[in-house]
Amino acid sequence: MSFDFKIRPSDSPFVEAVWHTETMSHGGSFMSTADSRWEMVISKHMGRYTLSIRGPEARASLAQVPTGHTEFFGIIFKRSVFMPHLPKQNLVNDAIHLPQSRRDAFTVVGGVFEIPTFENADTFVMRLMRNDLLNHDQIVDDVLRGRTQDLSVRSLQRRFLHVTGLTHKTIQQIERAHLALAMLHEGKPIIDVVYEAGYFDQPHLTRSLKLFAGQTPSDIVNSNTK
């Protein structure tokens, strides 16, 4: 199952991107790849809205698509951004689904917010920030950018788990798998991807992609020819 995504950058320093798509289907499923980022997804199905707070995904999983016309838009947050009242460790490979609390609003951690749109998502994020529902950890941000910090390994591990829900190593493994996927989709030979993406050998690449993408390198290469 394929989707036609519309993606735009955000003016918010907390947000990676904002996306939109819609489906007209009899239902079905697709393989969702692992992602170290988290997001808020607003869906409209049969006239009703739902706000889903989706945590990072540490493995590939089968995602279901509802029957009938459904519109989605999502706000992808930076890894160093978190909700202080909602530990991200509790959201790994999981999501919280909040139905609209009234005709035009959601209730999020006790606050009532107008249902956002693809166009005004930045305003919605700003309101969350003003209500102290979003926070940012500069140390985690610096480490993710390759800047060293004068903290013990154990302290950094605890900080990463609290802020991102994942270990720094797991984030690196997921991002390396994304790089390998992109290379394979570009048509690079598997053996070249092994070394350019930093894997030990082809079995190492295969194990990684089966865990994080739900496919083997051969599966991806074959899908390119269809």
N, C-alpha and C. Protein backbone atom coordinates (compact mmCIF):
# COMPACT_ATOMS: atom_id res chain seq x y z
N MET A 1 0.85 -1.19 0.00
CA MET A 1 0.00 0.00 0.00
C MET A 1 0.88 1.24 0.00
N SER A 2 0.62 2.16 -0.94
CA SER A 2 1.42 3.36 -1.03
C SER A 2 0.59 4.59 -0.69
N PHE A 3 1.28 5.66 -0.27
CA PHE A 3 0.62 6.89 0.14
C PHE A 3 1.26 8.06 -0.60
N ASP A 4 0.45 9.06 -0.89
CA ASP A 4 0.94 10.27 -1.51
C ASP A 4 1.07 11.33 -0.42
N PHE A 5 2.30 11.61 0.00
CA PHE A 5 2.53 12.51 1.12
C PHE A 5 2.84 13.92 0.63
N LYS A 6 2.26 14.88 1.34
CA LYS A 6 2.63 16.28 1.19
C LYS A 6 3.38 16.65 2.46
N ILE A 7 4.61 17.15 2.32
CA ILE A 7 5.45 17.44 3.48
C ILE A 7 5.94 18.89 3.39
N ARG A 8 5.93 19.56 4.52
CA ARG A 8 6.43 20.93 4.56
C ARG A 8 7.31 21.12 5.79
N PRO A 9 8.26 22.06 5.73
CA PRO A 9 9.06 22.38 6.92
C PRO A 9 8.20 23.15 7.93
N SER A 10 8.74 23.32 9.13
CA SER A 10 8.02 24.03 10.18
C SER A 10 8.83 25.22 10.65
N ASP A 11 8.13 26.25 11.11
CA ASP A 11 8.80 27.41 11.70
C ASP A 11 9.19 27.16 13.15
N SER A 12 8.65 26.11 13.75
CA SER A 12 8.94 25.81 15.15
C SER A 12 10.29 25.14 15.30
N PRO A 13 11.11 25.58 16.26
CA PRO A 13 12.40 24.91 16.49
C PRO A 13 12.24 23.53 17.10
N PHE A 14 11.03 23.17 17.51
CA PHE A 14 10.77 21.87 18.13
C PHE A 14 10.38 20.80 17.11
N VAL A 15 10.09 21.23 15.87
CA VAL A 15 9.47 20.34 14.90
C VAL A 15 10.39 20.07 13.72
N GLU A 16 10.46 18.78 13.30
CA GLU A 16 11.23 18.40 12.11
C GLU A 16 10.46 18.72 10.83
N ALA A 17 9.19 18.33 10.79
CA ALA A 17 8.40 18.52 9.58
C ALA A 17 6.93 18.28 9.89
N VAL A 18 6.08 18.72 8.95
CA VAL A 18 4.64 18.49 9.05
C VAL A 18 4.22 17.79 7.76
N TRP A 19 3.39 16.75 7.87
CA TRP A 19 3.02 15.99 6.69
C TRP A 19 1.50 15.81 6.60
N HIS A 20 1.02 15.48 5.39
CA HIS A 20 -0.40 15.26 5.16
C HIS A 20 -0.57 14.16 4.12
N THR A 21 -1.57 13.31 4.33
CA THR A 21 -1.94 12.31 3.33
C THR A 21 -3.38 11.91 3.56
N GLU A 22 -3.95 11.18 2.63
CA GLU A 22 -5.31 10.67 2.81
C GLU A 22 -5.44 9.35 2.06
N THR A 23 -6.41 8.55 2.48
CA THR A 23 -6.61 7.24 1.87
C THR A 23 -8.07 7.07 1.47
N MET A 24 -8.25 6.33 0.40
CA MET A 24 -9.58 5.89 -0.03
C MET A 24 -9.44 4.39 -0.25
N SER A 25 -9.75 3.60 0.76
CA SER A 25 -9.47 2.18 0.63
C SER A 25 -10.52 1.34 1.34
N HIS A 26 -10.40 0.03 1.12
CA HIS A 26 -11.23 -0.94 1.81
C HIS A 26 -10.48 -1.48 3.02
N GLY A 27 -9.58 -0.68 3.54
CA GLY A 27 -8.77 -1.13 4.66
C GLY A 27 -7.53 -1.85 4.18
N GLY A 28 -6.75 -2.32 5.09
CA GLY A 28 -5.54 -3.04 4.73
C GLY A 28 -4.45 -2.76 5.74
N SER A 29 -3.23 -2.99 5.34
CA SER A 29 -2.10 -2.80 6.25
C SER A 29 -0.84 -2.51 5.45
N PHE A 30 0.16 -2.00 6.13
CA PHE A 30 1.45 -1.75 5.51
C PHE A 30 2.53 -1.91 6.58
N MET A 31 3.75 -2.12 6.13
CA MET A 31 4.86 -2.28 7.06
C MET A 31 5.41 -0.91 7.44
N SER A 32 5.30 -0.56 8.69
CA SER A 32 5.81 0.71 9.21
C SER A 32 7.24 0.50 9.70
N THR A 33 8.19 1.25 9.14
CA THR A 33 9.58 1.08 9.54
C THR A 33 9.84 1.74 10.89
N ALA A 34 10.87 1.29 11.56
CA ALA A 34 11.26 1.88 12.84
C ALA A 34 11.61 3.35 12.65
N ASP A 35 11.35 4.16 13.68
CA ASP A 35 11.65 5.59 13.60
C ASP A 35 11.98 6.07 15.01
N SER A 36 13.12 6.74 15.14
CA SER A 36 13.55 7.21 16.46
C SER A 36 12.87 8.51 16.87
N ARG A 37 12.09 9.09 15.97
CA ARG A 37 11.36 10.32 16.29
C ARG A 37 9.94 9.98 16.76
N TRP A 38 9.28 10.95 17.37
CA TRP A 38 7.89 10.76 17.77
C TRP A 38 7.03 11.81 17.08
N GLU A 39 5.74 11.60 17.08
CA GLU A 39 4.88 12.52 16.35
C GLU A 39 3.47 12.56 16.94
N MET A 40 2.77 13.60 16.58
CA MET A 40 1.34 13.71 16.84
C MET A 40 0.64 13.60 15.50
N VAL A 41 -0.34 12.70 15.41
CA VAL A 41 -1.06 12.48 14.16
C VAL A 41 -2.54 12.78 14.39
N ILE A 42 -3.09 13.67 13.59
CA ILE A 42 -4.51 13.99 13.65
C ILE A 42 -5.18 13.32 12.47
N SER A 43 -6.16 12.48 12.75
CA SER A 43 -6.87 11.77 11.68
C SER A 43 -8.35 12.14 11.71
N LYS A 44 -8.95 12.17 10.54
CA LYS A 44 -10.38 12.42 10.41
C LYS A 44 -11.00 11.27 9.65
N HIS A 45 -11.89 10.55 10.33
CA HIS A 45 -12.52 9.36 9.75
C HIS A 45 -14.00 9.39 10.09
N MET A 46 -14.82 9.34 9.07
CA MET A 46 -16.28 9.36 9.24
C MET A 46 -16.73 10.58 10.05
N GLY A 47 -16.06 11.73 9.77
CA GLY A 47 -16.46 12.98 10.40
C GLY A 47 -15.95 13.18 11.81
N ARG A 48 -15.19 12.23 12.35
CA ARG A 48 -14.68 12.35 13.71
C ARG A 48 -13.17 12.45 13.69
N TYR A 49 -12.63 13.29 14.59
CA TYR A 49 -11.19 13.50 14.69
C TYR A 49 -10.60 12.70 15.85
N THR A 50 -9.37 12.27 15.66
CA THR A 50 -8.60 11.62 16.72
C THR A 50 -7.19 12.18 16.71
N LEU A 51 -6.68 12.49 17.90
CA LEU A 51 -5.29 12.91 18.06
C LEU A 51 -4.51 11.74 18.63
N SER A 52 -3.54 11.25 17.87
CA SER A 52 -2.71 10.13 18.31
C SER A 52 -1.31 10.64 18.63
N ILE A 53 -0.85 10.37 19.85
CA ILE A 53 0.51 10.69 20.24
C ILE A 53 1.31 9.41 20.10
N ARG A 54 2.12 9.36 19.07
CA ARG A 54 2.83 8.13 18.70
C ARG A 54 4.29 8.24 19.12
N GLY A 55 4.73 7.28 19.92
CA GLY A 55 6.11 7.28 20.37
C GLY A 55 7.06 6.77 19.32
N PRO A 56 8.36 6.79 19.62
CA PRO A 56 9.34 6.23 18.68
C PRO A 56 9.10 4.74 18.50
N GLU A 57 9.47 4.23 17.34
CA GLU A 57 9.29 2.81 17.04
C GLU A 57 10.67 2.16 16.94
N ALA A 58 10.93 1.22 17.82
CA ALA A 58 12.24 0.58 17.87
C ALA A 58 12.32 -0.67 17.00
N ARG A 59 11.24 -0.96 16.28
CA ARG A 59 11.23 -2.10 15.36
C ARG A 59 10.15 -1.87 14.32
N ALA A 60 10.26 -2.56 13.21
CA ALA A 60 9.22 -2.49 12.19
C ALA A 60 7.96 -3.19 12.69
N SER A 61 6.81 -2.72 12.25
CA SER A 61 5.56 -3.34 12.68
C SER A 61 4.50 -3.16 11.60
N LEU A 62 3.50 -4.01 11.64
CA LEU A 62 2.42 -3.95 10.67
C LEU A 62 1.39 -2.93 11.15
N ALA A 63 1.12 -1.91 10.34
CA ALA A 63 0.17 -0.86 10.70
C ALA A 63 -1.11 -1.04 9.89
N GLN A 64 -2.24 -0.82 10.54
CA GLN A 64 -3.53 -1.00 9.89
C GLN A 64 -4.04 0.31 9.28
N VAL A 65 -4.74 0.20 8.17
CA VAL A 65 -5.36 1.34 7.52
C VAL A 65 -6.87 1.18 7.61
N PRO A 66 -7.60 2.17 8.11
CA PRO A 66 -9.05 2.03 8.28
C PRO A 66 -9.78 1.96 6.94
N THR A 67 -10.95 1.37 6.96
CA THR A 67 -11.79 1.29 5.76
C THR A 67 -12.44 2.65 5.49
N GLY A 68 -12.48 3.03 4.23
CA GLY A 68 -13.14 4.28 3.87
C GLY A 68 -12.17 5.44 3.82
N HIS A 69 -12.71 6.61 3.44
CA HIS A 69 -11.88 7.81 3.31
C HIS A 69 -11.40 8.28 4.68
N THR A 70 -10.08 8.42 4.82
CA THR A 70 -9.49 8.93 6.06
C THR A 70 -8.42 9.94 5.69
N GLU A 71 -8.43 11.06 6.38
CA GLU A 71 -7.44 12.11 6.17
C GLU A 71 -6.51 12.15 7.38
N PHE A 72 -5.22 12.25 7.12
CA PHE A 72 -4.23 12.29 8.19
C PHE A 72 -3.32 13.50 8.00
N PHE A 73 -2.91 14.10 9.12
CA PHE A 73 -1.74 14.97 9.05
C PHE A 73 -0.96 14.80 10.34
N GLY A 74 0.35 14.92 10.23
CA GLY A 74 1.20 14.65 11.38
C GLY A 74 2.24 15.72 11.62
N ILE A 75 2.62 15.83 12.88
CA ILE A 75 3.67 16.75 13.30
C ILE A 75 4.81 15.90 13.84
N ILE A 76 5.94 15.89 13.13
CA ILE A 76 7.11 15.10 13.56
C ILE A 76 8.00 15.99 14.42
N PHE A 77 8.20 15.59 15.67
CA PHE A 77 8.99 16.38 16.60
C PHE A 77 10.45 15.94 16.60
N LYS A 78 11.32 16.86 16.96
CA LYS A 78 12.73 16.53 17.09
C LYS A 78 12.95 15.59 18.26
N ARG A 79 13.99 14.78 18.17
CA ARG A 79 14.22 13.74 19.17
C ARG A 79 14.45 14.33 20.57
N SER A 80 14.98 15.54 20.63
CA SER A 80 15.29 16.16 21.92
C SER A 80 14.09 16.87 22.54
N VAL A 81 12.93 16.76 21.91
CA VAL A 81 11.70 17.36 22.42
C VAL A 81 10.86 16.27 23.08
N PHE A 82 10.26 16.59 24.21
CA PHE A 82 9.46 15.59 24.93
C PHE A 82 8.33 16.28 25.69
N MET A 83 7.37 15.47 26.13
CA MET A 83 6.26 15.95 26.94
C MET A 83 6.55 15.59 28.39
N PRO A 84 6.81 16.57 29.27
CA PRO A 84 7.18 16.27 30.66
C PRO A 84 6.14 15.42 31.39
N HIS A 85 4.86 15.57 31.03
CA HIS A 85 3.80 14.85 31.73
C HIS A 85 3.51 13.49 31.12
N LEU A 86 4.24 13.13 30.06
CA LEU A 86 3.99 11.86 29.38
C LEU A 86 5.33 11.21 29.05
N PRO A 87 5.88 10.39 29.96
CA PRO A 87 7.20 9.79 29.73
C PRO A 87 7.28 9.05 28.40
N LYS A 88 8.27 9.40 27.61
CA LYS A 88 8.38 8.81 26.28
C LYS A 88 8.74 7.33 26.33
N GLN A 89 9.36 6.90 27.43
CA GLN A 89 9.66 5.47 27.57
C GLN A 89 8.38 4.64 27.52
N ASN A 90 7.27 5.22 27.99
CA ASN A 90 6.00 4.51 28.00
C ASN A 90 5.35 4.46 26.63
N LEU A 91 5.90 5.22 25.67
CA LEU A 91 5.29 5.32 24.35
C LEU A 91 6.07 4.57 23.27
N VAL A 92 7.20 3.97 23.60
CA VAL A 92 7.99 3.26 22.60
C VAL A 92 7.15 2.11 22.03
N ASN A 93 7.06 2.05 20.70
CA ASN A 93 6.26 1.05 20.00
C ASN A 93 4.78 1.11 20.39
N ASP A 94 4.31 2.29 20.77
CA ASP A 94 2.93 2.41 21.24
C ASP A 94 2.41 3.81 20.92
N ALA A 95 1.15 4.03 21.22
CA ALA A 95 0.53 5.34 20.97
C ALA A 95 -0.64 5.53 21.93
N ILE A 96 -0.95 6.80 22.18
CA ILE A 96 -2.13 7.17 22.94
C ILE A 96 -3.09 7.85 21.98
N HIS A 97 -4.35 7.44 21.98
CA HIS A 97 -5.33 7.98 21.05
C HIS A 97 -6.37 8.80 21.82
N LEU A 98 -6.47 10.08 21.48
CA LEU A 98 -7.39 10.98 22.17
C LEU A 98 -8.50 11.39 21.21
N PRO A 99 -9.76 11.00 21.47
CA PRO A 99 -10.85 11.45 20.60
C PRO A 99 -11.16 12.92 20.86
N GLN A 100 -11.79 13.57 19.87
CA GLN A 100 -12.15 14.97 20.08
C GLN A 100 -13.09 15.06 21.28
N SER A 101 -12.83 16.05 22.15
CA SER A 101 -13.61 16.17 23.37
C SER A 101 -14.86 17.01 23.18
N ARG A 102 -14.86 17.77 22.12
CA ARG A 102 -16.06 18.51 21.72
C ARG A 102 -15.97 18.75 20.22
N ARG A 103 -16.90 19.49 19.66
CA ARG A 103 -17.00 19.59 18.21
C ARG A 103 -15.71 20.05 17.54
N ASP A 104 -14.96 20.97 18.19
CA ASP A 104 -13.81 21.57 17.52
C ASP A 104 -12.53 21.52 18.36
N ALA A 105 -12.44 20.58 19.30
CA ALA A 105 -11.29 20.61 20.22
C ALA A 105 -10.90 19.24 20.74
N PHE A 106 -9.63 19.14 21.18
CA PHE A 106 -9.10 18.00 21.91
C PHE A 106 -8.76 18.43 23.33
N THR A 107 -8.81 17.49 24.26
CA THR A 107 -8.30 17.72 25.60
C THR A 107 -6.98 16.98 25.73
N VAL A 108 -5.90 17.73 25.95
CA VAL A 108 -4.56 17.15 26.04
C VAL A 108 -3.98 17.48 27.41
N VAL A 109 -3.78 16.45 28.24
CA VAL A 109 -3.24 16.61 29.60
C VAL A 109 -3.97 17.75 30.34
N GLY A 110 -5.28 17.72 30.27
CA GLY A 110 -6.08 18.69 31.00
C GLY A 110 -6.33 20.00 30.30
N GLY A 111 -5.61 20.28 29.21
CA GLY A 111 -5.82 21.52 28.46
C GLY A 111 -6.67 21.29 27.23
N VAL A 112 -7.50 22.26 26.90
CA VAL A 112 -8.37 22.14 25.73
C VAL A 112 -7.75 22.93 24.58
N PHE A 113 -7.58 22.26 23.43
CA PHE A 113 -6.92 22.86 22.27
C PHE A 113 -7.78 22.68 21.04
N GLU A 114 -7.90 23.75 20.26
CA GLU A 114 -8.64 23.68 19.01
C GLU A 114 -7.98 22.65 18.08
N ILE A 115 -8.81 21.90 17.37
CA ILE A 115 -8.28 20.89 16.45
C ILE A 115 -7.42 21.58 15.40
N PRO A 116 -6.14 21.21 15.31
CA PRO A 116 -5.25 21.89 14.36
C PRO A 116 -5.44 21.38 12.94
N THR A 117 -4.84 22.09 12.00
CA THR A 117 -4.84 21.69 10.60
C THR A 117 -3.40 21.63 10.10
N PHE A 118 -3.24 21.09 8.91
CA PHE A 118 -1.92 21.04 8.27
C PHE A 118 -1.32 22.44 8.18
N GLU A 119 -2.15 23.43 7.89
CA GLU A 119 -1.68 24.79 7.69
C GLU A 119 -1.30 25.49 9.00
N ASN A 120 -2.04 25.25 10.10
CA ASN A 120 -1.77 25.99 11.34
C ASN A 120 -1.13 25.13 12.42
N ALA A 121 -0.46 24.05 12.01
CA ALA A 121 0.16 23.14 12.99
C ALA A 121 1.17 23.87 13.88
N ASP A 122 1.91 24.85 13.33
CA ASP A 122 2.90 25.57 14.11
C ASP A 122 2.25 26.35 15.26
N THR A 123 1.07 26.88 15.03
CA THR A 123 0.35 27.60 16.07
C THR A 123 -0.07 26.64 17.18
N PHE A 124 -0.49 25.44 16.80
CA PHE A 124 -0.85 24.41 17.77
C PHE A 124 0.35 24.04 18.64
N VAL A 125 1.51 23.86 18.01
CA VAL A 125 2.73 23.54 18.76
C VAL A 125 3.10 24.67 19.72
N MET A 126 2.95 25.90 19.27
CA MET A 126 3.26 27.04 20.13
C MET A 126 2.36 27.07 21.36
N ARG A 127 1.10 26.72 21.18
CA ARG A 127 0.17 26.67 22.32
C ARG A 127 0.57 25.57 23.29
N LEU A 128 1.00 24.43 22.77
CA LEU A 128 1.48 23.35 23.64
C LEU A 128 2.69 23.82 24.46
N MET A 129 3.59 24.55 23.81
CA MET A 129 4.78 25.07 24.50
C MET A 129 4.38 26.05 25.60
N ARG A 130 3.45 26.96 25.29
CA ARG A 130 3.02 27.96 26.26
C ARG A 130 2.32 27.34 27.47
N ASN A 131 1.73 26.17 27.25
CA ASN A 131 1.07 25.46 28.35
C ASN A 131 2.00 24.45 29.02
N ASP A 132 3.30 24.55 28.74
CA ASP A 132 4.33 23.68 29.35
C ASP A 132 4.08 22.19 29.07
N LEU A 133 3.50 21.88 27.92
CA LEU A 133 3.29 20.49 27.56
C LEU A 133 4.40 19.94 26.67
N LEU A 134 5.30 20.82 26.26
CA LEU A 134 6.47 20.41 25.48
C LEU A 134 7.73 21.01 26.11
N ASN A 135 8.79 20.24 26.09
CA ASN A 135 10.07 20.73 26.60
C ASN A 135 11.19 20.25 25.67
N HIS A 136 12.37 20.84 25.85
CA HIS A 136 13.50 20.55 24.97
C HIS A 136 14.74 20.33 25.83
N ASP A 137 15.52 19.31 25.50
CA ASP A 137 16.74 19.00 26.24
C ASP A 137 17.94 19.32 25.35
N GLN A 138 18.68 20.37 25.70
CA GLN A 138 19.79 20.81 24.88
C GLN A 138 20.95 19.83 24.88
N ILE A 139 21.17 19.16 26.00
CA ILE A 139 22.28 18.21 26.08
C ILE A 139 22.06 17.05 25.11
N VAL A 140 20.86 16.49 25.09
CA VAL A 140 20.55 15.41 24.16
C VAL A 140 20.69 15.91 22.73
N ASP A 141 20.23 17.12 22.47
CA ASP A 141 20.35 17.70 21.13
C ASP A 141 21.81 17.82 20.72
N ASP A 142 22.66 18.28 21.64
CA ASP A 142 24.08 18.43 21.34
C ASP A 142 24.74 17.08 21.03
N VAL A 143 24.42 16.06 21.84
CA VAL A 143 25.02 14.74 21.62
C VAL A 143 24.58 14.18 20.27
N LEU A 144 23.32 14.35 19.92
CA LEU A 144 22.82 13.87 18.63
C LEU A 144 23.51 14.58 17.47
N ARG A 145 23.98 15.79 17.71
CA ARG A 145 24.70 16.54 16.68
C ARG A 145 26.20 16.26 16.69
N GLY A 146 26.62 15.33 17.57
CA GLY A 146 28.02 14.95 17.60
C GLY A 146 28.89 15.76 18.53
N ARG A 147 28.26 16.58 19.38
CA ARG A 147 29.03 17.38 20.32
C ARG A 147 29.15 16.63 21.64
N THR A 148 30.36 16.53 22.15
CA THR A 148 30.59 15.78 23.38
C THR A 148 30.10 16.56 24.58
N GLN A 149 29.77 15.82 25.64
CA GLN A 149 29.28 16.43 26.88
C GLN A 149 30.07 15.88 28.06
N ASP A 150 30.29 16.73 29.06
CA ASP A 150 31.04 16.32 30.24
C ASP A 150 30.12 15.62 31.24
N LEU A 151 29.57 14.48 30.81
CA LEU A 151 28.69 13.69 31.66
C LEU A 151 29.13 12.23 31.58
N SER A 152 28.85 11.48 32.63
CA SER A 152 29.20 10.06 32.61
C SER A 152 28.32 9.33 31.61
N VAL A 153 28.79 8.18 31.15
CA VAL A 153 28.02 7.37 30.21
C VAL A 153 26.67 7.01 30.81
N ARG A 154 26.66 6.67 32.09
CA ARG A 154 25.40 6.28 32.75
C ARG A 154 24.42 7.45 32.80
N SER A 155 24.93 8.64 33.09
CA SER A 155 24.06 9.82 33.14
C SER A 155 23.46 10.11 31.77
N LEU A 156 24.28 9.99 30.72
CA LEU A 156 23.77 10.22 29.37
C LEU A 156 22.74 9.17 28.98
N GLN A 157 22.97 7.92 29.38
CA GLN A 157 22.02 6.86 29.07
C GLN A 157 20.66 7.16 29.71
N ARG A 158 20.68 7.56 31.00
CA ARG A 158 19.42 7.88 31.68
C ARG A 158 18.74 9.06 31.01
N ARG A 159 19.52 10.04 30.61
CA ARG A 159 18.95 11.23 29.98
C ARG A 159 18.31 10.88 28.64
N PHE A 160 18.99 10.06 27.84
CA PHE A 160 18.45 9.67 26.54
C PHE A 160 17.16 8.88 26.70
N LEU A 161 17.13 7.96 27.66
CA LEU A 161 15.92 7.18 27.86
C LEU A 161 14.76 8.07 28.30
N HIS A 162 15.04 9.04 29.14
CA HIS A 162 13.98 9.94 29.62
C HIS A 162 13.47 10.84 28.50
N VAL A 163 14.38 11.39 27.71
CA VAL A 163 14.00 12.39 26.71
C VAL A 163 13.50 11.74 25.41
N THR A 164 14.20 10.70 24.94
CA THR A 164 13.87 10.11 23.64
C THR A 164 13.12 8.79 23.74
N GLY A 165 13.18 8.12 24.89
CA GLY A 165 12.58 6.81 25.04
C GLY A 165 13.48 5.68 24.57
N LEU A 166 14.62 6.04 23.93
CA LEU A 166 15.54 5.06 23.37
C LEU A 166 16.95 5.35 23.86
N THR A 167 17.83 4.36 23.72
CA THR A 167 19.23 4.61 24.00
C THR A 167 19.85 5.31 22.79
N HIS A 168 20.99 5.99 23.03
CA HIS A 168 21.68 6.65 21.93
C HIS A 168 22.09 5.62 20.88
N LYS A 169 22.51 4.44 21.33
CA LYS A 169 22.94 3.40 20.39
C LYS A 169 21.78 2.95 19.50
N THR A 170 20.60 2.77 20.09
CA THR A 170 19.45 2.35 19.29
C THR A 170 19.09 3.40 18.25
N ILE A 171 19.15 4.68 18.63
CA ILE A 171 18.87 5.76 17.67
C ILE A 171 19.86 5.68 16.51
N GLN A 172 21.14 5.47 16.81
CA GLN A 172 22.15 5.38 15.76
C GLN A 172 21.87 4.19 14.84
N GLN A 173 21.45 3.06 15.42
CA GLN A 173 21.17 1.87 14.61
C GLN A 173 19.98 2.10 13.68
N ILE A 174 18.94 2.76 14.19
CA ILE A 174 17.77 3.04 13.36
C ILE A 174 18.13 3.99 12.22
N GLU A 175 18.90 5.03 12.54
CA GLU A 175 19.28 5.99 11.50
C GLU A 175 20.19 5.35 10.45
N ARG A 176 21.05 4.43 10.87
CA ARG A 176 21.89 3.73 9.89
C ARG A 176 21.03 2.85 8.98
N ALA A 177 19.99 2.22 9.55
CA ALA A 177 19.09 1.42 8.73
C ALA A 177 18.35 2.29 7.72
N HIS A 178 17.94 3.50 8.13
CA HIS A 178 17.29 4.42 7.19
C HIS A 178 18.24 4.79 6.05
N LEU A 179 19.51 5.02 6.38
CA LEU A 179 20.49 5.35 5.36
C LEU A 179 20.64 4.19 4.39
N ALA A 180 20.71 2.96 4.91
CA ALA A 180 20.85 1.78 4.06
C ALA A 180 19.62 1.62 3.16
N LEU A 181 18.44 1.85 3.71
CA LEU A 181 17.21 1.77 2.91
C LEU A 181 17.24 2.76 1.75
N ALA A 182 17.64 3.99 2.05
CA ALA A 182 17.69 5.03 1.01
C ALA A 182 18.67 4.62 -0.10
N MET A 183 19.82 4.09 0.28
CA MET A 183 20.81 3.67 -0.70
C MET A 183 20.27 2.55 -1.59
N LEU A 184 19.60 1.57 -0.97
CA LEU A 184 19.06 0.46 -1.74
C LEU A 184 17.97 0.93 -2.69
N HIS A 185 17.13 1.85 -2.24
CA HIS A 185 16.08 2.38 -3.11
C HIS A 185 16.65 3.20 -4.26
N GLU A 186 17.85 3.75 -4.04
CA GLU A 186 18.53 4.49 -5.11
C GLU A 186 19.16 3.55 -6.14
N GLY A 187 19.19 2.26 -5.82
CA GLY A 187 19.74 1.28 -6.75
C GLY A 187 21.16 0.88 -6.49
N LYS A 188 21.72 1.25 -5.34
CA LYS A 188 23.11 0.86 -5.04
C LYS A 188 23.18 -0.64 -4.77
N PRO A 189 24.23 -1.30 -5.22
CA PRO A 189 24.39 -2.73 -4.95
C PRO A 189 24.46 -3.00 -3.45
N ILE A 190 23.95 -4.14 -3.04
CA ILE A 190 23.90 -4.49 -1.61
C ILE A 190 25.29 -4.44 -1.00
N ILE A 191 26.29 -4.97 -1.69
CA ILE A 191 27.63 -5.02 -1.10
C ILE A 191 28.19 -3.62 -0.87
N ASP A 192 27.84 -2.67 -1.73
CA ASP A 192 28.29 -1.29 -1.53
C ASP A 192 27.59 -0.67 -0.33
N VAL A 193 26.32 -0.98 -0.16
CA VAL A 193 25.56 -0.45 0.98
C VAL A 193 26.14 -0.95 2.30
N VAL A 194 26.56 -2.21 2.31
CA VAL A 194 27.15 -2.79 3.53
C VAL A 194 28.28 -1.90 4.04
N TYR A 195 29.18 -1.54 3.17
CA TYR A 195 30.37 -0.81 3.62
C TYR A 195 30.12 0.68 3.75
N GLU A 196 29.33 1.25 2.85
CA GLU A 196 29.09 2.69 2.92
C GLU A 196 28.23 3.07 4.13
N ALA A 197 27.34 2.17 4.56
CA ALA A 197 26.51 2.45 5.72
C ALA A 197 27.16 1.99 7.02
N GLY A 198 28.31 1.33 6.93
CA GLY A 198 29.06 0.98 8.13
C GLY A 198 28.69 -0.34 8.78
N TYR A 199 28.18 -1.30 8.00
CA TYR A 199 27.88 -2.62 8.55
C TYR A 199 29.11 -3.52 8.46
N PHE A 200 29.16 -4.54 9.33
CA PHE A 200 30.31 -5.44 9.34
C PHE A 200 30.34 -6.30 8.08
N ASP A 201 29.17 -6.82 7.70
CA ASP A 201 29.07 -7.69 6.54
C ASP A 201 27.61 -7.74 6.11
N GLN A 202 27.33 -8.51 5.07
CA GLN A 202 25.96 -8.56 4.55
C GLN A 202 24.97 -9.16 5.55
N PRO A 203 25.32 -10.22 6.30
CA PRO A 203 24.38 -10.73 7.31
C PRO A 203 24.02 -9.67 8.36
N HIS A 204 25.00 -8.82 8.71
CA HIS A 204 24.73 -7.74 9.67
C HIS A 204 23.70 -6.78 9.09
N LEU A 205 23.84 -6.40 7.83
CA LEU A 205 22.87 -5.53 7.16
C LEU A 205 21.50 -6.20 7.12
N THR A 206 21.47 -7.47 6.78
CA THR A 206 20.20 -8.20 6.68
C THR A 206 19.48 -8.23 8.02
N ARG A 207 20.19 -8.52 9.11
CA ARG A 207 19.56 -8.55 10.44
C ARG A 207 19.00 -7.18 10.80
N SER A 208 19.76 -6.13 10.49
CA SER A 208 19.33 -4.78 10.81
C SER A 208 18.05 -4.41 10.07
N LEU A 209 18.01 -4.66 8.76
CA LEU A 209 16.85 -4.27 7.98
C LEU A 209 15.63 -5.13 8.29
N LYS A 210 15.82 -6.38 8.65
CA LYS A 210 14.68 -7.20 9.05
C LYS A 210 14.07 -6.67 10.35
N LEU A 211 14.91 -6.18 11.25
CA LEU A 211 14.41 -5.64 12.53
C LEU A 211 13.77 -4.28 12.34
N PHE A 212 14.45 -3.39 11.64
CA PHE A 212 14.01 -1.99 11.58
C PHE A 212 13.12 -1.66 10.38
N ALA A 213 13.15 -2.49 9.34
CA ALA A 213 12.34 -2.22 8.15
C ALA A 213 11.38 -3.35 7.81
N GLY A 214 11.55 -4.51 8.45
CA GLY A 214 10.67 -5.63 8.17
C GLY A 214 10.91 -6.28 6.82
N GLN A 215 12.07 -5.98 6.21
CA GLN A 215 12.42 -6.52 4.90
C GLN A 215 13.90 -6.86 4.87
N THR A 216 14.26 -7.77 3.96
CA THR A 216 15.67 -8.05 3.73
C THR A 216 16.18 -7.14 2.62
N PRO A 217 17.49 -6.98 2.48
CA PRO A 217 18.01 -6.20 1.35
C PRO A 217 17.51 -6.71 0.00
N SER A 218 17.42 -8.02 -0.15
CA SER A 218 16.93 -8.59 -1.42
C SER A 218 15.48 -8.21 -1.66
N ASP A 219 14.66 -8.20 -0.60
CA ASP A 219 13.26 -7.79 -0.74
C ASP A 219 13.18 -6.37 -1.30
N ILE A 220 14.03 -5.49 -0.76
CA ILE A 220 14.00 -4.07 -1.18
C ILE A 220 14.47 -3.93 -2.63
N VAL A 221 15.54 -4.63 -2.96
CA VAL A 221 16.04 -4.57 -4.35
C VAL A 221 14.99 -5.07 -5.33
N ASN A 222 14.31 -6.18 -4.97
CA ASN A 222 13.28 -6.73 -5.85
C ASN A 222 12.09 -5.79 -5.99
N SER A 223 11.74 -5.07 -4.91
CA SER A 223 10.61 -4.15 -4.97
C SER A 223 10.92 -2.96 -5.89
N ASN A 224 12.21 -2.65 -6.06
CA ASN A 224 12.59 -1.54 -6.94
C ASN A 224 12.30 -1.83 -8.40
N THR A 225 12.25 -3.12 -8.74
CA THR A 225 12.06 -3.51 -10.14
C THR A 225 10.59 -3.71 -10.50
N LYS A 226 9.70 -3.59 -9.51
CA LYS A 226 8.28 -3.82 -9.78
C LYS A 226 7.62 -2.55 -10.29
